[in-house]
């Protein structure tokens, strides 16, 4: 997997390392987990919106038939 460089200012990096330390993770592992969590949530929201759109479309089709 290709590496990804993310830049933080001094305060952001201090907060990152403190949070990672609280979870007993390296900063890299902490950032990785946070990104995966965000991607998973984004995908869940997309799937939920698609489901709701399909339900709405089915209801309209029922009303029109």
C-alpha atoms as a PDB file:
ATOM      1  CA  UNK A   1       0.000   0.000   0.000  1.00  0.00           C
ATOM      2  CA  UNK A   2       1.374   3.432  -0.865  1.00  0.00           C
ATOM      3  CA  UNK A   3       2.230   5.705   2.049  1.00  0.00           C
ATOM      4  CA  UNK A   4       0.178   8.800   2.781  1.00  0.00           C
ATOM      5  CA  UNK A   5       1.676  11.900   4.305  1.00  0.00           C
ATOM      6  CA  UNK A   6      -0.571  14.045   6.474  1.00  0.00           C
ATOM      7  CA  UNK A   7       0.685  17.300   7.918  1.00  0.00           C
ATOM      8  CA  UNK A   8      -0.384  18.684  11.290  1.00  0.00           C
ATOM      9  CA  UNK A   9       0.551  21.895  13.009  1.00  0.00           C
ATOM     10  CA  UNK A  10       2.217  21.600  16.414  1.00  0.00           C
ATOM     11  CA  UNK A  11      -1.015  21.858  18.417  1.00  0.00           C
ATOM     12  CA  UNK A  12      -2.866  19.353  16.231  1.00  0.00           C
ATOM     13  CA  UNK A  13       0.013  16.908  16.505  1.00  0.00           C
ATOM     14  CA  UNK A  14       0.135  17.325  20.278  1.00  0.00           C
ATOM     15  CA  UNK A  15      -3.594  16.579  20.489  1.00  0.00           C
ATOM     16  CA  UNK A  16      -3.219  13.618  18.119  1.00  0.00           C
ATOM     17  CA  UNK A  17      -0.422  12.036  20.092  1.00  0.00           C
ATOM     18  CA  UNK A  18      -2.231  12.619  23.385  1.00  0.00           C
ATOM     19  CA  UNK A  19      -5.412  10.987  22.064  1.00  0.00           C
ATOM     20  CA  UNK A  20      -3.479   8.097  20.556  1.00  0.00           C
ATOM     21  CA  UNK A  21      -1.643   7.562  23.822  1.00  0.00           C
ATOM     22  CA  UNK A  22      -4.946   7.425  25.733  1.00  0.00           C
ATOM     23  CA  UNK A  23      -6.047   4.597  23.437  1.00  0.00           C
ATOM     24  CA  UNK A  24      -2.636   2.927  23.657  1.00  0.00           C
ATOM     25  CA  UNK A  25      -2.053   3.320  19.927  1.00  0.00           C
ATOM     26  CA  UNK A  26       0.628   4.851  17.804  1.00  0.00           C
ATOM     27  CA  UNK A  27      -0.372   8.097  16.112  1.00  0.00           C
ATOM     28  CA  UNK A  28      -0.321   6.233  12.789  1.00  0.00           C
ATOM     29  CA  UNK A  29      -2.678   3.517  14.051  1.00  0.00           C
ATOM     30  CA  UNK A  30      -4.940   6.137  15.625  1.00  0.00           C
ATOM     31  CA  UNK A  31      -5.219   8.092  12.359  1.00  0.00           C
ATOM     32  CA  UNK A  32      -5.741   4.884  10.361  1.00  0.00           C
ATOM     33  CA  UNK A  33      -8.565   3.767  12.647  1.00  0.00           C
ATOM     34  CA  UNK A  34     -10.178   7.217  12.550  1.00  0.00           C
ATOM     35  CA  UNK A  35     -10.129   7.284   8.749  1.00  0.00           C
ATOM     36  CA  UNK A  36     -11.559   3.765   8.470  1.00  0.00           C
ATOM     37  CA  UNK A  37     -14.295   4.678  10.963  1.00  0.00           C
ATOM     38  CA  UNK A  38     -15.170   7.775   8.930  1.00  0.00           C
ATOM     39  CA  UNK A  39     -15.231   5.821   5.662  1.00  0.00           C
ATOM     40  CA  UNK A  40     -17.448   3.147   7.205  1.00  0.00           C
ATOM     41  CA  UNK A  41     -19.883   5.783   8.492  1.00  0.00           C
ATOM     42  CA  UNK A  42     -19.923   7.504   5.093  1.00  0.00           C
ATOM     43  CA  UNK A  43     -20.714   4.225   3.334  1.00  0.00           C
ATOM     44  CA  UNK A  44     -23.477   3.470   5.864  1.00  0.00           C
ATOM     45  CA  UNK A  45     -25.073   6.866   5.209  1.00  0.00           C
ATOM     46  CA  UNK A  46     -24.904   6.343   1.441  1.00  0.00           C
ATOM     47  CA  UNK A  47     -26.506   2.893   1.737  1.00  0.00           C
ATOM     48  CA  UNK A  48     -29.190   4.281   4.047  1.00  0.00           C
ATOM     49  CA  UNK A  49     -29.980   7.090   1.600  1.00  0.00           C
ATOM     50  CA  UNK A  50     -30.198   4.614  -1.281  1.00  0.00           C
ATOM     51  CA  UNK A  51     -32.565   2.409   0.722  1.00  0.00           C
ATOM     52  CA  UNK A  52     -34.763   5.378   1.653  1.00  0.00           C
ATOM     53  CA  UNK A  53     -34.790   6.527  -1.977  1.00  0.00           C
ATOM     54  CA  UNK A  54     -35.852   3.061  -3.126  1.00  0.00           C
ATOM     55  CA  UNK A  55     -38.604   2.969  -0.491  1.00  0.00           C
ATOM     56  CA  UNK A  56     -39.833   6.399  -1.548  1.00  0.00           C
ATOM     57  CA  UNK A  57     -39.795   5.366  -5.225  1.00  0.00           C
ATOM     58  CA  UNK A  58     -41.681   2.146  -4.471  1.00  0.00           C
ATOM     59  CA  UNK A  59     -44.327   4.095  -2.554  1.00  0.00           C
ATOM     60  CA  UNK A  60     -44.763   6.527  -5.442  1.00  0.00           C
ATOM     61  CA  UNK A  61     -45.057   3.631  -7.880  1.00  0.00           C
ATOM     62  CA  UNK A  62     -47.740   2.011  -5.690  1.00  0.00           C
ATOM     63  CA  UNK A  63     -49.695   5.268  -5.584  1.00  0.00           C
ATOM     64  CA  UNK A  64     -49.449   5.748  -9.339  1.00  0.00           C
ATOM     65  CA  UNK A  65     -50.568   2.239 -10.238  1.00  0.00           C
END
